[in-house]
Amino acid sequence: MLTLAQAAARLGLSPSTLLTQVQRGRMKARKVGPLWTVTEREVERYRRESLGRRHATSSPSVRSATDH
């Protein structure tokens, strides 16, 4: 089990961004006392399904002023 902060660090996101994803139902997490926890398996699933898709579709072509 990882805390939400640990999971966020592994994903390169801020803890607040990851908490928003939990609240929107995009990542499964559980609150244990004051801490949110998430499994390593869920972190990897989120990385594949959410971050992988974003990286795959966010590669804009770069053009310079001389490309016509």
PDB file of N, CA and C in Angstrom:
ATOM      1  N   MET A   1       0.831  -1.184   0.000  1.00  0.00           N
ATOM      2  CA  MET A   1       0.000   0.000   0.000  1.00  0.00           C
ATOM      3  C   MET A   1       0.874   1.246   0.000  1.00  0.00           C
ATOM      4  N   LEU A   2       0.409   2.243  -0.708  1.00  0.00           N
ATOM      5  CA  LEU A   2       1.101   3.528  -0.775  1.00  0.00           C
ATOM      6  C   LEU A   2       0.157   4.618  -0.292  1.00  0.00           C
ATOM      7  N   THR A   3       0.722   5.669   0.266  1.00  0.00           N
ATOM      8  CA  THR A   3      -0.106   6.832   0.554  1.00  0.00           C
ATOM      9  C   THR A   3      -0.362   7.546  -0.768  1.00  0.00           C
ATOM     10  N   LEU A   4      -1.335   8.414  -0.775  1.00  0.00           N
ATOM     11  CA  LEU A   4      -1.631   9.165  -1.990  1.00  0.00           C
ATOM     12  C   LEU A   4      -0.432  10.017  -2.391  1.00  0.00           C
ATOM     13  N   ALA A   5       0.287  10.559  -1.410  1.00  0.00           N
ATOM     14  CA  ALA A   5       1.476  11.364  -1.709  1.00  0.00           C
ATOM     15  C   ALA A   5       2.556  10.508  -2.373  1.00  0.00           C
ATOM     16  N   GLN A   6       2.752   9.282  -1.889  1.00  0.00           N
ATOM     17  CA  GLN A   6       3.740   8.384  -2.498  1.00  0.00           C
ATOM     18  C   GLN A   6       3.324   8.013  -3.918  1.00  0.00           C
ATOM     19  N   ALA A   7       2.048   7.720  -4.098  1.00  0.00           N
ATOM     20  CA  ALA A   7       1.544   7.375  -5.429  1.00  0.00           C
ATOM     21  C   ALA A   7       1.707   8.549  -6.384  1.00  0.00           C
ATOM     22  N   ALA A   8       1.405   9.748  -5.906  1.00  0.00           N
ATOM     23  CA  ALA A   8       1.542  10.941  -6.737  1.00  0.00           C
ATOM     24  C   ALA A   8       2.993  11.129  -7.167  1.00  0.00           C
ATOM     25  N   ALA A   9       3.924  10.918  -6.249  1.00  0.00           N
ATOM     26  CA  ALA A   9       5.343  11.055  -6.582  1.00  0.00           C
ATOM     27  C   ALA A   9       5.743  10.051  -7.664  1.00  0.00           C
ATOM     28  N   ARG A  10       5.257   8.831  -7.565  1.00  0.00           N
ATOM     29  CA  ARG A  10       5.579   7.810  -8.585  1.00  0.00           C
ATOM     30  C   ARG A  10       5.017   8.170  -9.948  1.00  0.00           C
ATOM     31  N   LEU A  11       3.878   8.868  -9.949  1.00  0.00           N
ATOM     32  CA  LEU A  11       3.220   9.222 -11.201  1.00  0.00           C
ATOM     33  C   LEU A  11       3.648  10.581 -11.739  1.00  0.00           C
ATOM     34  N   GLY A  12       4.424  11.310 -10.949  1.00  0.00           N
ATOM     35  CA  GLY A  12       4.847  12.639 -11.377  1.00  0.00           C
ATOM     36  C   GLY A  12       3.721  13.659 -11.304  1.00  0.00           C
ATOM     37  N   LEU A  13       2.789  13.462 -10.376  1.00  0.00           N
ATOM     38  CA  LEU A  13       1.660  14.362 -10.189  1.00  0.00           C
ATOM     39  C   LEU A  13       1.705  14.944  -8.785  1.00  0.00           C
ATOM     40  N   SER A  14       0.970  15.997  -8.565  1.00  0.00           N
ATOM     41  CA  SER A  14       0.874  16.532  -7.208  1.00  0.00           C
ATOM     42  C   SER A  14      -0.161  15.713  -6.440  1.00  0.00           C
ATOM     43  N   PRO A  15      -0.013  15.627  -5.129  1.00  0.00           N
ATOM     44  CA  PRO A  15      -1.013  14.907  -4.331  1.00  0.00           C
ATOM     45  C   PRO A  15      -2.427  15.469  -4.508  1.00  0.00           C
ATOM     46  N   SER A  16      -2.547  16.776  -4.651  1.00  0.00           N
ATOM     47  CA  SER A  16      -3.879  17.364  -4.816  1.00  0.00           C
ATOM     48  C   SER A  16      -4.499  16.964  -6.154  1.00  0.00           C
ATOM     49  N   THR A  17      -3.687  16.861  -7.201  1.00  0.00           N
ATOM     50  CA  THR A  17      -4.195  16.406  -8.492  1.00  0.00           C
ATOM     51  C   THR A  17      -4.676  14.966  -8.390  1.00  0.00           C
ATOM     52  N   LEU A  18      -3.902  14.140  -7.723  1.00  0.00           N
ATOM     53  CA  LEU A  18      -4.289  12.740  -7.592  1.00  0.00           C
ATOM     54  C   LEU A  18      -5.541  12.599  -6.730  1.00  0.00           C
ATOM     55  N   LEU A  19      -5.670  13.404  -5.688  1.00  0.00           N
ATOM     56  CA  LEU A  19      -6.883  13.373  -4.868  1.00  0.00           C
ATOM     57  C   LEU A  19      -8.099  13.741  -5.705  1.00  0.00           C
ATOM     58  N   THR A  20      -7.954  14.703  -6.584  1.00  0.00           N
ATOM     59  CA  THR A  20      -9.048  15.065  -7.489  1.00  0.00           C
ATOM     60  C   THR A  20      -9.441  13.873  -8.353  1.00  0.00           C
ATOM     61  N   GLN A  21      -8.452  13.122  -8.836  1.00  0.00           N
ATOM     62  CA  GLN A  21      -8.739  11.947  -9.656  1.00  0.00           C
ATOM     63  C   GLN A  21      -9.493  10.887  -8.847  1.00  0.00           C
ATOM     64  N   VAL A  22      -9.134  10.734  -7.578  1.00  0.00           N
ATOM     65  CA  VAL A  22      -9.835   9.807  -6.687  1.00  0.00           C
ATOM     66  C   VAL A  22     -11.284  10.268  -6.517  1.00  0.00           C
ATOM     67  N   GLN A  23     -11.465  11.541  -6.251  1.00  0.00           N
ATOM     68  CA  GLN A  23     -12.808  12.082  -6.032  1.00  0.00           C
ATOM     69  C   GLN A  23     -13.685  11.976  -7.269  1.00  0.00           C
ATOM     70  N   ARG A  24     -13.085  12.007  -8.443  1.00  0.00           N
ATOM     71  CA  ARG A  24     -13.826  11.869  -9.703  1.00  0.00           C
ATOM     72  C   ARG A  24     -14.028  10.408 -10.098  1.00  0.00           C
ATOM     73  N   GLY A  25     -13.483   9.496  -9.297  1.00  0.00           N
ATOM     74  CA  GLY A  25     -13.652   8.078  -9.581  1.00  0.00           C
ATOM     75  C   GLY A  25     -12.699   7.512 -10.607  1.00  0.00           C
ATOM     76  N   ARG A  26     -11.662   8.244 -10.930  1.00  0.00           N
ATOM     77  CA  ARG A  26     -10.696   7.781 -11.937  1.00  0.00           C
ATOM     78  C   ARG A  26      -9.588   6.930 -11.347  1.00  0.00           C
ATOM     79  N   MET A  27      -9.462   6.956 -10.028  1.00  0.00           N
ATOM     80  CA  MET A  27      -8.503   6.105  -9.339  1.00  0.00           C
ATOM     81  C   MET A  27      -9.159   5.599  -8.068  1.00  0.00           C
ATOM     82  N   LYS A  28      -8.957   4.319  -7.788  1.00  0.00           N
ATOM     83  CA  LYS A  28      -9.513   3.719  -6.582  1.00  0.00           C
ATOM     84  C   LYS A  28      -8.540   3.923  -5.431  1.00  0.00           C
ATOM     85  N   ALA A  29      -9.056   4.458  -4.332  1.00  0.00           N
ATOM     86  CA  ALA A  29      -8.249   4.672  -3.134  1.00  0.00           C
ATOM     87  C   ALA A  29      -9.145   4.476  -1.924  1.00  0.00           C
ATOM     88  N   ARG A  30      -8.507   4.286  -0.802  1.00  0.00           N
ATOM     89  CA  ARG A  30      -9.240   4.053   0.441  1.00  0.00           C
ATOM     90  C   ARG A  30      -8.685   4.970   1.516  1.00  0.00           C
ATOM     91  N   LYS A  31      -9.566   5.509   2.324  1.00  0.00           N
ATOM     92  CA  LYS A  31      -9.130   6.384   3.407  1.00  0.00           C
ATOM     93  C   LYS A  31      -8.957   5.543   4.660  1.00  0.00           C
ATOM     94  N   VAL A  32      -7.749   5.583   5.212  1.00  0.00           N
ATOM     95  CA  VAL A  32      -7.415   4.862   6.433  1.00  0.00           C
ATOM     96  C   VAL A  32      -6.999   5.915   7.451  1.00  0.00           C
ATOM     97  N   GLY A  33      -7.889   6.200   8.388  1.00  0.00           N
ATOM     98  CA  GLY A  33      -7.631   7.293   9.317  1.00  0.00           C
ATOM     99  C   GLY A  33      -7.565   8.587   8.530  1.00  0.00           C
ATOM    100  N   PRO A  34      -6.520   9.368   8.731  1.00  0.00           N
ATOM    101  CA  PRO A  34      -6.410  10.638   8.004  1.00  0.00           C
ATOM    102  C   PRO A  34      -5.774  10.501   6.613  1.00  0.00           C
ATOM    103  N   LEU A  35      -5.267   9.312   6.286  1.00  0.00           N
ATOM    104  CA  LEU A  35      -4.527   9.120   5.031  1.00  0.00           C
ATOM    105  C   LEU A  35      -5.335   8.381   3.977  1.00  0.00           C
ATOM    106  N   TRP A  36      -5.156   8.814   2.745  1.00  0.00           N
ATOM    107  CA  TRP A  36      -5.675   8.056   1.612  1.00  0.00           C
ATOM    108  C   TRP A  36      -4.599   7.050   1.219  1.00  0.00           C
ATOM    109  N   THR A  37      -5.001   5.826   0.927  1.00  0.00           N
ATOM    110  CA  THR A  37      -4.046   4.811   0.486  1.00  0.00           C
ATOM    111  C   THR A  37      -4.503   4.225  -0.842  1.00  0.00           C
ATOM    112  N   VAL A  38      -3.543   3.726  -1.574  1.00  0.00           N
ATOM    113  CA  VAL A  38      -3.807   3.150  -2.891  1.00  0.00           C
ATOM    114  C   VAL A  38      -2.838   1.990  -3.089  1.00  0.00           C
ATOM    115  N   THR A  39      -3.269   0.971  -3.811  1.00  0.00           N
ATOM    116  CA  THR A  39      -2.382  -0.164  -4.065  1.00  0.00           C
ATOM    117  C   THR A  39      -1.420   0.166  -5.205  1.00  0.00           C
ATOM    118  N   GLU A  40      -0.293  -0.522  -5.197  1.00  0.00           N
ATOM    119  CA  GLU A  40       0.672  -0.348  -6.280  1.00  0.00           C
ATOM    120  C   GLU A  40       0.058  -0.778  -7.607  1.00  0.00           C
ATOM    121  N   ARG A  41      -0.757  -1.796  -7.549  1.00  0.00           N
ATOM    122  CA  ARG A  41      -1.433  -2.278  -8.766  1.00  0.00           C
ATOM    123  C   ARG A  41      -2.336  -1.186  -9.355  1.00  0.00           C
ATOM    124  N   GLU A  42      -3.051  -0.472  -8.487  1.00  0.00           N
ATOM    125  CA  GLU A  42      -3.918   0.612  -8.955  1.00  0.00           C
ATOM    126  C   GLU A  42      -3.106   1.761  -9.531  1.00  0.00           C
ATOM    127  N   VAL A  43      -1.955   2.053  -8.946  1.00  0.00           N
ATOM    128  CA  VAL A  43      -1.077   3.097  -9.484  1.00  0.00           C
ATOM    129  C   VAL A  43      -0.641   2.723 -10.897  1.00  0.00           C
ATOM    130  N   GLU A  44      -0.254   1.473 -11.090  1.00  0.00           N
ATOM    131  CA  GLU A  44       0.175   1.028 -12.423  1.00  0.00           C
ATOM    132  C   GLU A  44      -0.984   1.042 -13.419  1.00  0.00           C
ATOM    133  N   ARG A  45      -2.173   0.651 -12.977  1.00  0.00           N
ATOM    134  CA  ARG A  45      -3.343   0.691 -13.856  1.00  0.00           C
ATOM    135  C   ARG A  45      -3.620   2.131 -14.276  1.00  0.00           C
ATOM    136  N   TYR A  46      -3.577   3.033 -13.325  1.00  0.00           N
ATOM    137  CA  TYR A  46      -3.816   4.441 -13.624  1.00  0.00           C
ATOM    138  C   TYR A  46      -2.759   4.975 -14.599  1.00  0.00           C
ATOM    139  N   ARG A  47      -1.504   4.596 -14.372  1.00  0.00           N
ATOM    140  CA  ARG A  47      -0.423   5.040 -15.263  1.00  0.00           C
ATOM    141  C   ARG A  47      -0.681   4.585 -16.702  1.00  0.00           C
ATOM    142  N   ARG A  48      -1.036   3.307 -16.864  1.00  0.00           N
ATOM    143  CA  ARG A  48      -1.296   2.765 -18.205  1.00  0.00           C
ATOM    144  C   ARG A  48      -2.510   3.411 -18.857  1.00  0.00           C
ATOM    145  N   GLU A  49      -3.615   3.474 -18.126  1.00  0.00           N
ATOM    146  CA  GLU A  49      -4.875   3.910 -18.719  1.00  0.00           C
ATOM    147  C   GLU A  49      -5.016   5.418 -18.834  1.00  0.00           C
ATOM    148  N   SER A  50      -4.505   6.163 -17.892  1.00  0.00           N
ATOM    149  CA  SER A  50      -4.693   7.614 -17.917  1.00  0.00           C
ATOM    150  C   SER A  50      -3.480   8.356 -18.449  1.00  0.00           C
ATOM    151  N   LEU A  51      -2.339   8.097 -17.871  1.00  0.00           N
ATOM    152  CA  LEU A  51      -1.147   8.825 -18.291  1.00  0.00           C
ATOM    153  C   LEU A  51      -0.635   8.330 -19.633  1.00  0.00           C
ATOM    154  N   GLY A  52      -0.717   7.045 -19.883  1.00  0.00           N
ATOM    155  CA  GLY A  52      -0.263   6.503 -21.163  1.00  0.00           C
ATOM    156  C   GLY A  52      -1.042   7.077 -22.321  1.00  0.00           C
ATOM    157  N   ARG A  53      -2.345   7.214 -22.141  1.00  0.00           N
ATOM    158  CA  ARG A  53      -3.204   7.764 -23.192  1.00  0.00           C
ATOM    159  C   ARG A  53      -2.851   9.224 -23.428  1.00  0.00           C
ATOM    160  N   ARG A  54      -2.606   9.972 -22.358  1.00  0.00           N
ATOM    161  CA  ARG A  54      -2.285  11.387 -22.496  1.00  0.00           C
ATOM    162  C   ARG A  54      -0.964  11.571 -23.234  1.00  0.00           C
ATOM    163  N   HIS A  55       0.031  10.767 -22.878  1.00  0.00           N
ATOM    164  CA  HIS A  55       1.335  10.887 -23.537  1.00  0.00           C
ATOM    165  C   HIS A  55       1.269  10.440 -24.993  1.00  0.00           C
ATOM    166  N   ALA A  56       0.438   9.462 -25.283  1.00  0.00           N
ATOM    167  CA  ALA A  56       0.335   8.956 -26.652  1.00  0.00           C
ATOM    168  C   ALA A  56      -0.348   9.960 -27.569  1.00  0.00           C
ATOM    169  N   THR A  57      -1.247  10.773 -27.029  1.00  0.00           N
ATOM    170  CA  THR A  57      -1.990  11.699 -27.869  1.00  0.00           C
ATOM    171  C   THR A  57      -1.489  13.126 -27.784  1.00  0.00           C
ATOM    172  N   SER A  58      -0.526  13.388 -26.925  1.00  0.00           N
ATOM    173  CA  SER A  58      -0.081  14.764 -26.755  1.00  0.00           C
ATOM    174  C   SER A  58       1.286  15.008 -27.366  1.00  0.00           C
ATOM    175  N   SER A  59       1.508  14.481 -28.545  1.00  0.00           N
ATOM    176  CA  SER A  59       2.778  14.725 -29.204  1.00  0.00           C
ATOM    177  C   SER A  59       2.545  15.578 -30.446  1.00  0.00           C
ATOM    178  N   PRO A  60       2.385  16.888 -30.248  1.00  0.00           N
ATOM    179  CA  PRO A  60       2.123  17.762 -31.388  1.00  0.00           C
ATOM    180  C   PRO A  60       3.346  17.851 -32.281  1.00  0.00           C
ATOM    181  N   SER A  61       3.086  18.052 -33.546  1.00  0.00           N
ATOM    182  CA  SER A  61       4.218  18.196 -34.457  1.00  0.00           C
ATOM    183  C   SER A  61       4.819  19.577 -34.268  1.00  0.00           C
ATOM    184  N   VAL A  62       6.124  19.630 -34.344  1.00  0.00           N
ATOM    185  CA  VAL A  62       6.839  20.884 -34.144  1.00  0.00           C
ATOM    186  C   VAL A  62       7.225  21.411 -35.514  1.00  0.00           C
ATOM    187  N   ARG A  63       6.833  22.653 -35.770  1.00  0.00           N
ATOM    188  CA  ARG A  63       7.169  23.264 -37.049  1.00  0.00           C
ATOM    189  C   ARG A  63       7.972  24.522 -36.797  1.00  0.00           C
ATOM    190  N   SER A  64       8.940  24.749 -37.618  1.00  0.00           N
ATOM    191  CA  SER A  64       9.699  25.990 -37.516  1.00  0.00           C
ATOM    192  C   SER A  64       9.197  26.973 -38.568  1.00  0.00           C
ATOM    193  N   ALA A  65       9.671  28.184 -38.508  1.00  0.00           N
ATOM    194  CA  ALA A  65       9.244  29.216 -39.460  1.00  0.00           C
ATOM    195  C   ALA A  65       9.661  28.864 -40.874  1.00  0.00           C
ATOM    196  N   THR A  66      10.663  28.011 -41.044  1.00  0.00           N
ATOM    197  CA  THR A  66      11.138  27.653 -42.381  1.00  0.00           C
ATOM    198  C   THR A  66      10.394  26.462 -42.959  1.00  0.00           C
ATOM    199  N   ASP A  67       9.538  25.801 -42.185  1.00  0.00           N
ATOM    200  CA  ASP A  67       8.760  24.665 -42.700  1.00  0.00           C
ATOM    201  C   ASP A  67       7.530  25.185 -43.440  1.00  0.00           C
ATOM    202  N   HIS A  68       7.515  25.063 -44.731  1.00  0.00           N
ATOM    203  CA  HIS A  68       6.350  25.503 -45.520  1.00  0.00           C
ATOM    204  C   HIS A  68       5.920  24.446 -46.463  1.00  0.00           C
TER     205      HIS A  68
END
